[in-house]
Amino acid sequence: STEAPQENAPHQPSQIDTTHSYSQ
């Protein structure tokens, strides 16, 4: 149930980097 990020949403790659940082 996904959709493309909205224009006013936080920059997606930076959030994924946060996930990576959590694993780190």
mmCIF file of all heavy atoms, coordinates in Angstrom:
data_MODEL
# 
_entry.id   MODEL 
# 
loop_
_atom_site.group_PDB 
_atom_site.id 
_atom_site.type_symbol 
_atom_site.label_atom_id 
_atom_site.label_alt_id 
_atom_site.label_comp_id 
_atom_site.label_asym_id 
_atom_site.label_entity_id 
_atom_site.label_seq_id 
_atom_site.pdbx_PDB_ins_code 
_atom_site.Cartn_x 
_atom_site.Cartn_y 
_atom_site.Cartn_z 
_atom_site.occupancy 
_atom_site.B_iso_or_equiv 
_atom_site.pdbx_formal_charge 
_atom_site.auth_seq_id 
_atom_site.auth_comp_id 
_atom_site.auth_asym_id 
_atom_site.auth_atom_id 
_atom_site.pdbx_PDB_model_num 
ATOM 1   N N   . SER A 1 1  ? 0.824  -1.216 0.000  1.00 0.00 ? 1  SER A N   1 
ATOM 2   C CA  . SER A 1 1  ? 0.000  0.000  0.000  1.00 0.00 ? 1  SER A CA  1 
ATOM 3   C C   . SER A 1 1  ? 0.852  1.257  0.000  1.00 0.00 ? 1  SER A C   1 
ATOM 4   O O   . SER A 1 1  ? 0.687  2.142  0.834  1.00 0.00 ? 1  SER A O   1 
ATOM 5   C CB  . SER A 1 1  ? -0.941 0.011  1.207  1.00 0.00 ? 1  SER A CB  1 
ATOM 6   O OG  . SER A 1 1  ? -1.748 -1.128 1.214  1.00 0.00 ? 1  SER A OG  1 
ATOM 7   N N   . THR A 1 2  ? 1.800  1.353  -0.933 1.00 0.00 ? 2  THR A N   1 
ATOM 8   C CA  . THR A 1 2  ? 2.704  2.499  -0.959 1.00 0.00 ? 2  THR A CA  1 
ATOM 9   C C   . THR A 1 2  ? 2.277  3.500  -2.001 1.00 0.00 ? 2  THR A C   1 
ATOM 10  O O   . THR A 1 2  ? 1.494  3.200  -2.912 1.00 0.00 ? 2  THR A O   1 
ATOM 11  C CB  . THR A 1 2  ? 4.135  2.035  -1.290 1.00 0.00 ? 2  THR A CB  1 
ATOM 12  O OG1 . THR A 1 2  ? 4.124  1.386  -2.566 1.00 0.00 ? 2  THR A OG1 1 
ATOM 13  C CG2 . THR A 1 2  ? 4.646  1.080  -0.249 1.00 0.00 ? 2  THR A CG2 1 
ATOM 14  N N   . GLU A 1 3  ? 2.835  4.711  -1.886 1.00 0.00 ? 3  GLU A N   1 
ATOM 15  C CA  . GLU A 1 3  ? 2.636  5.751  -2.897 1.00 0.00 ? 3  GLU A CA  1 
ATOM 16  C C   . GLU A 1 3  ? 3.894  6.589  -2.951 1.00 0.00 ? 3  GLU A C   1 
ATOM 17  O O   . GLU A 1 3  ? 4.751  6.502  -2.085 1.00 0.00 ? 3  GLU A O   1 
ATOM 18  C CB  . GLU A 1 3  ? 1.431  6.622  -2.546 1.00 0.00 ? 3  GLU A CB  1 
ATOM 19  C CG  . GLU A 1 3  ? 1.559  7.322  -1.208 1.00 0.00 ? 3  GLU A CG  1 
ATOM 20  C CD  . GLU A 1 3  ? 0.321  8.142  -0.899 1.00 0.00 ? 3  GLU A CD  1 
ATOM 21  O OE1 . GLU A 1 3  ? -0.762 7.772  -1.367 1.00 0.00 ? 3  GLU A OE1 1 
ATOM 22  O OE2 . GLU A 1 3  ? 0.462  9.143  -0.198 1.00 0.00 ? 3  GLU A OE2 1 
ATOM 23  N N   . ALA A 1 4  ? 4.026  7.400  -3.994 1.00 0.00 ? 4  ALA A N   1 
ATOM 24  C CA  . ALA A 1 4  ? 5.199  8.257  -4.128 1.00 0.00 ? 4  ALA A CA  1 
ATOM 25  C C   . ALA A 1 4  ? 5.218  9.303  -3.019 1.00 0.00 ? 4  ALA A C   1 
ATOM 26  O O   . ALA A 1 4  ? 4.176  9.760  -2.575 1.00 0.00 ? 4  ALA A O   1 
ATOM 27  C CB  . ALA A 1 4  ? 5.177  8.953  -5.487 1.00 0.00 ? 4  ALA A CB  1 
ATOM 28  N N   . PRO A 1 5  ? 6.415  9.712  -2.546 1.00 0.00 ? 5  PRO A N   1 
ATOM 29  C CA  . PRO A 1 5  ? 6.502  10.720 -1.495 1.00 0.00 ? 5  PRO A CA  1 
ATOM 30  C C   . PRO A 1 5  ? 5.852  12.032 -1.941 1.00 0.00 ? 5  PRO A C   1 
ATOM 31  O O   . PRO A 1 5  ? 5.933  12.423 -3.097 1.00 0.00 ? 5  PRO A O   1 
ATOM 32  C CB  . PRO A 1 5  ? 8.025  10.908 -1.309 1.00 0.00 ? 5  PRO A CB  1 
ATOM 33  C CG  . PRO A 1 5  ? 8.634  9.659  -1.842 1.00 0.00 ? 5  PRO A CG  1 
ATOM 34  C CD  . PRO A 1 5  ? 7.738  9.216  -2.954 1.00 0.00 ? 5  PRO A CD  1 
ATOM 35  N N   . GLN A 1 6  ? 5.212  12.737 -0.993 1.00 0.00 ? 6  GLN A N   1 
ATOM 36  C CA  . GLN A 1 6  ? 4.598  14.014 -1.293 1.00 0.00 ? 6  GLN A CA  1 
ATOM 37  C C   . GLN A 1 6  ? 5.677  15.087 -1.410 1.00 0.00 ? 6  GLN A C   1 
ATOM 38  O O   . GLN A 1 6  ? 6.761  14.952 -0.886 1.00 0.00 ? 6  GLN A O   1 
ATOM 39  C CB  . GLN A 1 6  ? 3.599  14.391 -0.191 1.00 0.00 ? 6  GLN A CB  1 
ATOM 40  C CG  . GLN A 1 6  ? 2.454  13.380 -0.068 1.00 0.00 ? 6  GLN A CG  1 
ATOM 41  C CD  . GLN A 1 6  ? 1.546  13.725 1.089  1.00 0.00 ? 6  GLN A CD  1 
ATOM 42  O OE1 . GLN A 1 6  ? 1.835  14.608 1.887  1.00 0.00 ? 6  GLN A OE1 1 
ATOM 43  N NE2 . GLN A 1 6  ? 0.444  13.021 1.178  1.00 0.00 ? 6  GLN A NE2 1 
ATOM 44  N N   . GLU A 1 7  ? 5.318  16.203 -2.089 1.00 0.00 ? 7  GLU A N   1 
ATOM 45  C CA  . GLU A 1 7  ? 6.298  17.259 -2.319 1.00 0.00 ? 7  GLU A CA  1 
ATOM 46  C C   . GLU A 1 7  ? 6.821  17.854 -1.016 1.00 0.00 ? 7  GLU A C   1 
ATOM 47  O O   . GLU A 1 7  ? 7.971  18.237 -0.900 1.00 0.00 ? 7  GLU A O   1 
ATOM 48  C CB  . GLU A 1 7  ? 5.669  18.362 -3.177 1.00 0.00 ? 7  GLU A CB  1 
ATOM 49  C CG  . GLU A 1 7  ? 5.433  17.916 -4.628 1.00 0.00 ? 7  GLU A CG  1 
ATOM 50  C CD  . GLU A 1 7  ? 4.878  19.048 -5.447 1.00 0.00 ? 7  GLU A CD  1 
ATOM 51  O OE1 . GLU A 1 7  ? 4.762  20.159 -4.918 1.00 0.00 ? 7  GLU A OE1 1 
ATOM 52  O OE2 . GLU A 1 7  ? 4.563  18.822 -6.623 1.00 0.00 ? 7  GLU A OE2 1 
ATOM 53  N N   . ASN A 1 8  ? 5.935  17.945 0.025  1.00 0.00 ? 8  ASN A N   1 
ATOM 54  C CA  . ASN A 1 8  ? 6.354  18.553 1.277  1.00 0.00 ? 8  ASN A CA  1 
ATOM 55  C C   . ASN A 1 8  ? 6.883  17.543 2.278  1.00 0.00 ? 8  ASN A C   1 
ATOM 56  O O   . ASN A 1 8  ? 7.087  17.839 3.437  1.00 0.00 ? 8  ASN A O   1 
ATOM 57  C CB  . ASN A 1 8  ? 5.198  19.342 1.913  1.00 0.00 ? 8  ASN A CB  1 
ATOM 58  C CG  . ASN A 1 8  ? 4.015  18.434 2.228  1.00 0.00 ? 8  ASN A CG  1 
ATOM 59  O OD1 . ASN A 1 8  ? 3.996  17.292 1.803  1.00 0.00 ? 8  ASN A OD1 1 
ATOM 60  N ND2 . ASN A 1 8  ? 3.039  18.970 2.948  1.00 0.00 ? 8  ASN A ND2 1 
ATOM 61  N N   . ALA A 1 9  ? 7.079  16.279 1.818  1.00 0.00 ? 9  ALA A N   1 
ATOM 62  C CA  . ALA A 1 9  ? 7.592  15.244 2.719  1.00 0.00 ? 9  ALA A CA  1 
ATOM 63  C C   . ALA A 1 9  ? 9.091  15.404 2.887  1.00 0.00 ? 9  ALA A C   1 
ATOM 64  O O   . ALA A 1 9  ? 9.763  15.952 2.022  1.00 0.00 ? 9  ALA A O   1 
ATOM 65  C CB  . ALA A 1 9  ? 7.282  13.854 2.138  1.00 0.00 ? 9  ALA A CB  1 
ATOM 66  N N   . PRO A 1 10 ? 9.660  14.870 3.997  1.00 0.00 ? 10 PRO A N   1 
ATOM 67  C CA  . PRO A 1 10 ? 11.107 14.914 4.174  1.00 0.00 ? 10 PRO A CA  1 
ATOM 68  C C   . PRO A 1 10 ? 11.794 14.160 3.044  1.00 0.00 ? 10 PRO A C   1 
ATOM 69  O O   . PRO A 1 10 ? 11.227 13.224 2.481  1.00 0.00 ? 10 PRO A O   1 
ATOM 70  C CB  . PRO A 1 10 ? 11.317 14.201 5.519  1.00 0.00 ? 10 PRO A CB  1 
ATOM 71  C CG  . PRO A 1 10 ? 9.987  14.280 6.219  1.00 0.00 ? 10 PRO A CG  1 
ATOM 72  C CD  . PRO A 1 10 ? 8.964  14.266 5.129  1.00 0.00 ? 10 PRO A CD  1 
ATOM 73  N N   . HIS A 1 11 ? 13.004 14.563 2.719  1.00 0.00 ? 11 HIS A N   1 
ATOM 74  C CA  . HIS A 1 11 ? 13.750 13.913 1.631  1.00 0.00 ? 11 HIS A CA  1 
ATOM 75  C C   . HIS A 1 11 ? 13.939 12.437 1.942  1.00 0.00 ? 11 HIS A C   1 
ATOM 76  O O   . HIS A 1 11 ? 14.509 12.066 2.949  1.00 0.00 ? 11 HIS A O   1 
ATOM 77  C CB  . HIS A 1 11 ? 15.116 14.588 1.490  1.00 0.00 ? 11 HIS A CB  1 
ATOM 78  C CG  . HIS A 1 11 ? 15.945 14.020 0.389  1.00 0.00 ? 11 HIS A CG  1 
ATOM 79  N ND1 . HIS A 1 11 ? 15.483 13.886 -0.900 1.00 0.00 ? 11 HIS A ND1 1 
ATOM 80  C CD2 . HIS A 1 11 ? 17.221 13.551 0.391  1.00 0.00 ? 11 HIS A CD2 1 
ATOM 81  C CE1 . HIS A 1 11 ? 16.437 13.360 -1.654 1.00 0.00 ? 11 HIS A CE1 1 
ATOM 82  N NE2 . HIS A 1 11 ? 17.485 13.143 -0.896 1.00 0.00 ? 11 HIS A NE2 1 
ATOM 83  N N   . GLN A 1 12 ? 13.400 11.565 1.094  1.00 0.00 ? 12 GLN A N   1 
ATOM 84  C CA  . GLN A 1 12 ? 13.340 10.136 1.383  1.00 0.00 ? 12 GLN A CA  1 
ATOM 85  C C   . GLN A 1 12 ? 14.681 9.482  1.672  1.00 0.00 ? 12 GLN A C   1 
ATOM 86  O O   . GLN A 1 12 ? 14.824 8.774  2.659  1.00 0.00 ? 12 GLN A O   1 
ATOM 87  C CB  . GLN A 1 12 ? 12.655 9.421  0.205  1.00 0.00 ? 12 GLN A CB  1 
ATOM 88  C CG  . GLN A 1 12 ? 12.345 7.960  0.457  1.00 0.00 ? 12 GLN A CG  1 
ATOM 89  C CD  . GLN A 1 12 ? 11.001 7.801  1.123  1.00 0.00 ? 12 GLN A CD  1 
ATOM 90  O OE1 . GLN A 1 12 ? 10.543 8.692  1.837  1.00 0.00 ? 12 GLN A OE1 1 
ATOM 91  N NE2 . GLN A 1 12 ? 10.368 6.682  0.920  1.00 0.00 ? 12 GLN A NE2 1 
ATOM 92  N N   . PRO A 1 13 ? 15.717 9.695  0.849  1.00 0.00 ? 13 PRO A N   1 
ATOM 93  C CA  . PRO A 1 13 ? 16.972 9.023  1.114  1.00 0.00 ? 13 PRO A CA  1 
ATOM 94  C C   . PRO A 1 13 ? 17.536 9.303  2.500  1.00 0.00 ? 13 PRO A C   1 
ATOM 95  O O   . PRO A 1 13 ? 18.129 8.429  3.107  1.00 0.00 ? 13 PRO A O   1 
ATOM 96  C CB  . PRO A 1 13 ? 17.888 9.563  0.013  1.00 0.00 ? 13 PRO A CB  1 
ATOM 97  C CG  . PRO A 1 13 ? 16.960 9.895  -1.116 1.00 0.00 ? 13 PRO A CG  1 
ATOM 98  C CD  . PRO A 1 13 ? 15.749 10.426 -0.427 1.00 0.00 ? 13 PRO A CD  1 
ATOM 99  N N   . SER A 1 14 ? 17.343 10.527 3.041  1.00 0.00 ? 14 SER A N   1 
ATOM 100 C CA  . SER A 1 14 ? 17.894 10.825 4.354  1.00 0.00 ? 14 SER A CA  1 
ATOM 101 C C   . SER A 1 14 ? 17.227 9.977  5.423  1.00 0.00 ? 14 SER A C   1 
ATOM 102 O O   . SER A 1 14 ? 17.841 9.591  6.401  1.00 0.00 ? 14 SER A O   1 
ATOM 103 C CB  . SER A 1 14 ? 17.704 12.306 4.686  1.00 0.00 ? 14 SER A CB  1 
ATOM 104 O OG  . SER A 1 14 ? 16.331 12.623 4.820  1.00 0.00 ? 14 SER A OG  1 
ATOM 105 N N   . GLN A 1 15 ? 15.915 9.640  5.222  1.00 0.00 ? 15 GLN A N   1 
ATOM 106 C CA  . GLN A 1 15 ? 15.233 8.810  6.196  1.00 0.00 ? 15 GLN A CA  1 
ATOM 107 C C   . GLN A 1 15 ? 15.739 7.370  6.134  1.00 0.00 ? 15 GLN A C   1 
ATOM 108 O O   . GLN A 1 15 ? 15.868 6.693  7.144  1.00 0.00 ? 15 GLN A O   1 
ATOM 109 C CB  . GLN A 1 15 ? 13.712 8.841  5.948  1.00 0.00 ? 15 GLN A CB  1 
ATOM 110 C CG  . GLN A 1 15 ? 13.116 10.244 5.976  1.00 0.00 ? 15 GLN A CG  1 
ATOM 111 C CD  . GLN A 1 15 ? 13.367 10.941 7.292  1.00 0.00 ? 15 GLN A CD  1 
ATOM 112 O OE1 . GLN A 1 15 ? 13.574 10.284 8.316  1.00 0.00 ? 15 GLN A OE1 1 
ATOM 113 N NE2 . GLN A 1 15 ? 13.376 12.253 7.287  1.00 0.00 ? 15 GLN A NE2 1 
ATOM 114 N N   . ILE A 1 16 ? 16.034 6.913  4.936  1.00 0.00 ? 16 ILE A N   1 
ATOM 115 C CA  . ILE A 1 16 ? 16.584 5.578  4.802  1.00 0.00 ? 16 ILE A CA  1 
ATOM 116 C C   . ILE A 1 16 ? 17.964 5.512  5.439  1.00 0.00 ? 16 ILE A C   1 
ATOM 117 O O   . ILE A 1 16 ? 18.349 4.531  6.054  1.00 0.00 ? 16 ILE A O   1 
ATOM 118 C CB  . ILE A 1 16 ? 16.646 5.165  3.322  1.00 0.00 ? 16 ILE A CB  1 
ATOM 119 C CG1 . ILE A 1 16 ? 15.228 5.101  2.734  1.00 0.00 ? 16 ILE A CG1 1 
ATOM 120 C CG2 . ILE A 1 16 ? 17.318 3.816  3.151  1.00 0.00 ? 16 ILE A CG2 1 
ATOM 121 C CD1 . ILE A 1 16 ? 14.323 4.098  3.396  1.00 0.00 ? 16 ILE A CD1 1 
ATOM 122 N N   . ASP A 1 17 ? 18.738 6.607  5.296  1.00 0.00 ? 17 ASP A N   1 
ATOM 123 C CA  . ASP A 1 17 ? 20.036 6.652  5.957  1.00 0.00 ? 17 ASP A CA  1 
ATOM 124 C C   . ASP A 1 17 ? 19.882 6.520  7.462  1.00 0.00 ? 17 ASP A C   1 
ATOM 125 O O   . ASP A 1 17 ? 20.710 5.945  8.143  1.00 0.00 ? 17 ASP A O   1 
ATOM 126 C CB  . ASP A 1 17 ? 20.754 7.958  5.627  1.00 0.00 ? 17 ASP A CB  1 
ATOM 127 C CG  . ASP A 1 17 ? 21.241 7.990  4.178  1.00 0.00 ? 17 ASP A CG  1 
ATOM 128 O OD1 . ASP A 1 17 ? 21.291 6.900  3.588  1.00 0.00 ? 17 ASP A OD1 1 
ATOM 129 O OD2 . ASP A 1 17 ? 21.544 9.073  3.665  1.00 0.00 ? 17 ASP A OD2 1 
ATOM 130 N N   . THR A 1 18 ? 18.775 7.080  8.024  1.00 0.00 ? 18 THR A N   1 
ATOM 131 C CA  . THR A 1 18 ? 18.517 6.962  9.452  1.00 0.00 ? 18 THR A CA  1 
ATOM 132 C C   . THR A 1 18 ? 18.341 5.504  9.829  1.00 0.00 ? 18 THR A C   1 
ATOM 133 O O   . THR A 1 18 ? 18.821 5.040  10.857 1.00 0.00 ? 18 THR A O   1 
ATOM 134 C CB  . THR A 1 18 ? 17.248 7.763  9.830  1.00 0.00 ? 18 THR A CB  1 
ATOM 135 O OG1 . THR A 1 18 ? 17.430 9.115  9.439  1.00 0.00 ? 18 THR A OG1 1 
ATOM 136 C CG2 . THR A 1 18 ? 16.994 7.699  11.315 1.00 0.00 ? 18 THR A CG2 1 
ATOM 137 N N   . THR A 1 19 ? 17.616 4.745  8.990  1.00 0.00 ? 19 THR A N   1 
ATOM 138 C CA  . THR A 1 19 ? 17.444 3.326  9.248  1.00 0.00 ? 19 THR A CA  1 
ATOM 139 C C   . THR A 1 19 ? 18.794 2.621  9.283  1.00 0.00 ? 19 THR A C   1 
ATOM 140 O O   . THR A 1 19 ? 19.072 1.802  10.157 1.00 0.00 ? 19 THR A O   1 
ATOM 141 C CB  . THR A 1 19 ? 16.566 2.687  8.139  1.00 0.00 ? 19 THR A CB  1 
ATOM 142 O OG1 . THR A 1 19 ? 15.356 3.421  8.044  1.00 0.00 ? 19 THR A OG1 1 
ATOM 143 C CG2 . THR A 1 19 ? 16.264 1.237  8.456  1.00 0.00 ? 19 THR A CG2 1 
ATOM 144 N N   . HIS A 1 20 ? 19.638 2.955  8.300  1.00 0.00 ? 20 HIS A N   1 
ATOM 145 C CA  . HIS A 1 20 ? 20.961 2.348  8.242  1.00 0.00 ? 20 HIS A CA  1 
ATOM 146 C C   . HIS A 1 20 ? 21.755 2.692  9.501  1.00 0.00 ? 20 HIS A C   1 
ATOM 147 O O   . HIS A 1 20 ? 22.435 1.845  10.076 1.00 0.00 ? 20 HIS A O   1 
ATOM 148 C CB  . HIS A 1 20 ? 21.690 2.834  6.992  1.00 0.00 ? 20 HIS A CB  1 
ATOM 149 C CG  . HIS A 1 20 ? 23.063 2.268  6.825  1.00 0.00 ? 20 HIS A CG  1 
ATOM 150 N ND1 . HIS A 1 20 ? 23.282 0.948  6.533  1.00 0.00 ? 20 HIS A ND1 1 
ATOM 151 C CD2 . HIS A 1 20 ? 24.285 2.836  6.941  1.00 0.00 ? 20 HIS A CD2 1 
ATOM 152 C CE1 . HIS A 1 20 ? 24.583 0.725  6.453  1.00 0.00 ? 20 HIS A CE1 1 
ATOM 153 N NE2 . HIS A 1 20 ? 25.210 1.857  6.706  1.00 0.00 ? 20 HIS A NE2 1 
ATOM 154 N N   . SER A 1 21 ? 21.647 3.966  9.954  1.00 0.00 ? 21 SER A N   1 
ATOM 155 C CA  . SER A 1 21 ? 22.364 4.395  11.137 1.00 0.00 ? 21 SER A CA  1 
ATOM 156 C C   . SER A 1 21 ? 21.899 3.637  12.372 1.00 0.00 ? 21 SER A C   1 
ATOM 157 O O   . SER A 1 21 ? 22.680 3.344  13.275 1.00 0.00 ? 21 SER A O   1 
ATOM 158 C CB  . SER A 1 21 ? 22.181 5.903  11.346 1.00 0.00 ? 21 SER A CB  1 
ATOM 159 O OG  . SER A 1 21 ? 22.715 6.627  10.258 1.00 0.00 ? 21 SER A OG  1 
ATOM 160 N N   . TYR A 1 22 ? 20.590 3.326  12.425 1.00 0.00 ? 22 TYR A N   1 
ATOM 161 C CA  . TYR A 1 22 ? 20.055 2.569  13.558 1.00 0.00 ? 22 TYR A CA  1 
ATOM 162 C C   . TYR A 1 22 ? 20.694 1.189  13.623 1.00 0.00 ? 22 TYR A C   1 
ATOM 163 O O   . TYR A 1 22 ? 21.107 0.729  14.693 1.00 0.00 ? 22 TYR A O   1 
ATOM 164 C CB  . TYR A 1 22 ? 18.534 2.455  13.425 1.00 0.00 ? 22 TYR A CB  1 
ATOM 165 C CG  . TYR A 1 22 ? 17.894 1.634  14.513 1.00 0.00 ? 22 TYR A CG  1 
ATOM 166 C CD1 . TYR A 1 22 ? 17.957 2.040  15.847 1.00 0.00 ? 22 TYR A CD1 1 
ATOM 167 C CD2 . TYR A 1 22 ? 17.230 0.440  14.221 1.00 0.00 ? 22 TYR A CD2 1 
ATOM 168 C CE1 . TYR A 1 22 ? 17.367 1.295  16.847 1.00 0.00 ? 22 TYR A CE1 1 
ATOM 169 C CE2 . TYR A 1 22 ? 16.644 -0.308 15.220 1.00 0.00 ? 22 TYR A CE2 1 
ATOM 170 C CZ  . TYR A 1 22 ? 16.706 0.122  16.529 1.00 0.00 ? 22 TYR A CZ  1 
ATOM 171 O OH  . TYR A 1 22 ? 16.129 -0.631 17.516 1.00 0.00 ? 22 TYR A OH  1 
ATOM 172 N N   . SER A 1 23 ? 20.812 0.527  12.460 1.00 0.00 ? 23 SER A N   1 
ATOM 173 C CA  . SER A 1 23 ? 21.473 -0.783 12.420 1.00 0.00 ? 23 SER A CA  1 
ATOM 174 C C   . SER A 1 23 ? 22.937 -0.657 12.823 1.00 0.00 ? 23 SER A C   1 
ATOM 175 O O   . SER A 1 23 ? 23.475 -1.505 13.539 1.00 0.00 ? 23 SER A O   1 
ATOM 176 C CB  . SER A 1 23 ? 21.368 -1.388 11.016 1.00 0.00 ? 23 SER A CB  1 
ATOM 177 O OG  . SER A 1 23 ? 20.036 -1.651 10.685 1.00 0.00 ? 23 SER A OG  1 
ATOM 178 N N   . GLN A 1 24 ? 23.568 0.423  12.359 1.00 0.00 ? 24 GLN A N   1 
ATOM 179 C CA  . GLN A 1 24 ? 24.964 0.642  12.718 1.00 0.00 ? 24 GLN A CA  1 
ATOM 180 C C   . GLN A 1 24 ? 25.100 0.855  14.221 1.00 0.00 ? 24 GLN A C   1 
ATOM 181 O O   . GLN A 1 24 ? 26.062 0.395  14.842 1.00 0.00 ? 24 GLN A O   1 
ATOM 182 C CB  . GLN A 1 24 ? 25.509 1.868  11.967 1.00 0.00 ? 24 GLN A CB  1 
ATOM 183 C CG  . GLN A 1 24 ? 25.656 1.653  10.467 1.00 0.00 ? 24 GLN A CG  1 
ATOM 184 C CD  . GLN A 1 24 ? 26.816 0.738  10.107 1.00 0.00 ? 24 GLN A CD  1 
ATOM 185 O OE1 . GLN A 1 24 ? 26.957 -0.338 10.669 1.00 0.00 ? 24 GLN A OE1 1 
ATOM 186 N NE2 . GLN A 1 24 ? 27.649 1.177  9.195  1.00 0.00 ? 24 GLN A NE2 1 
# 
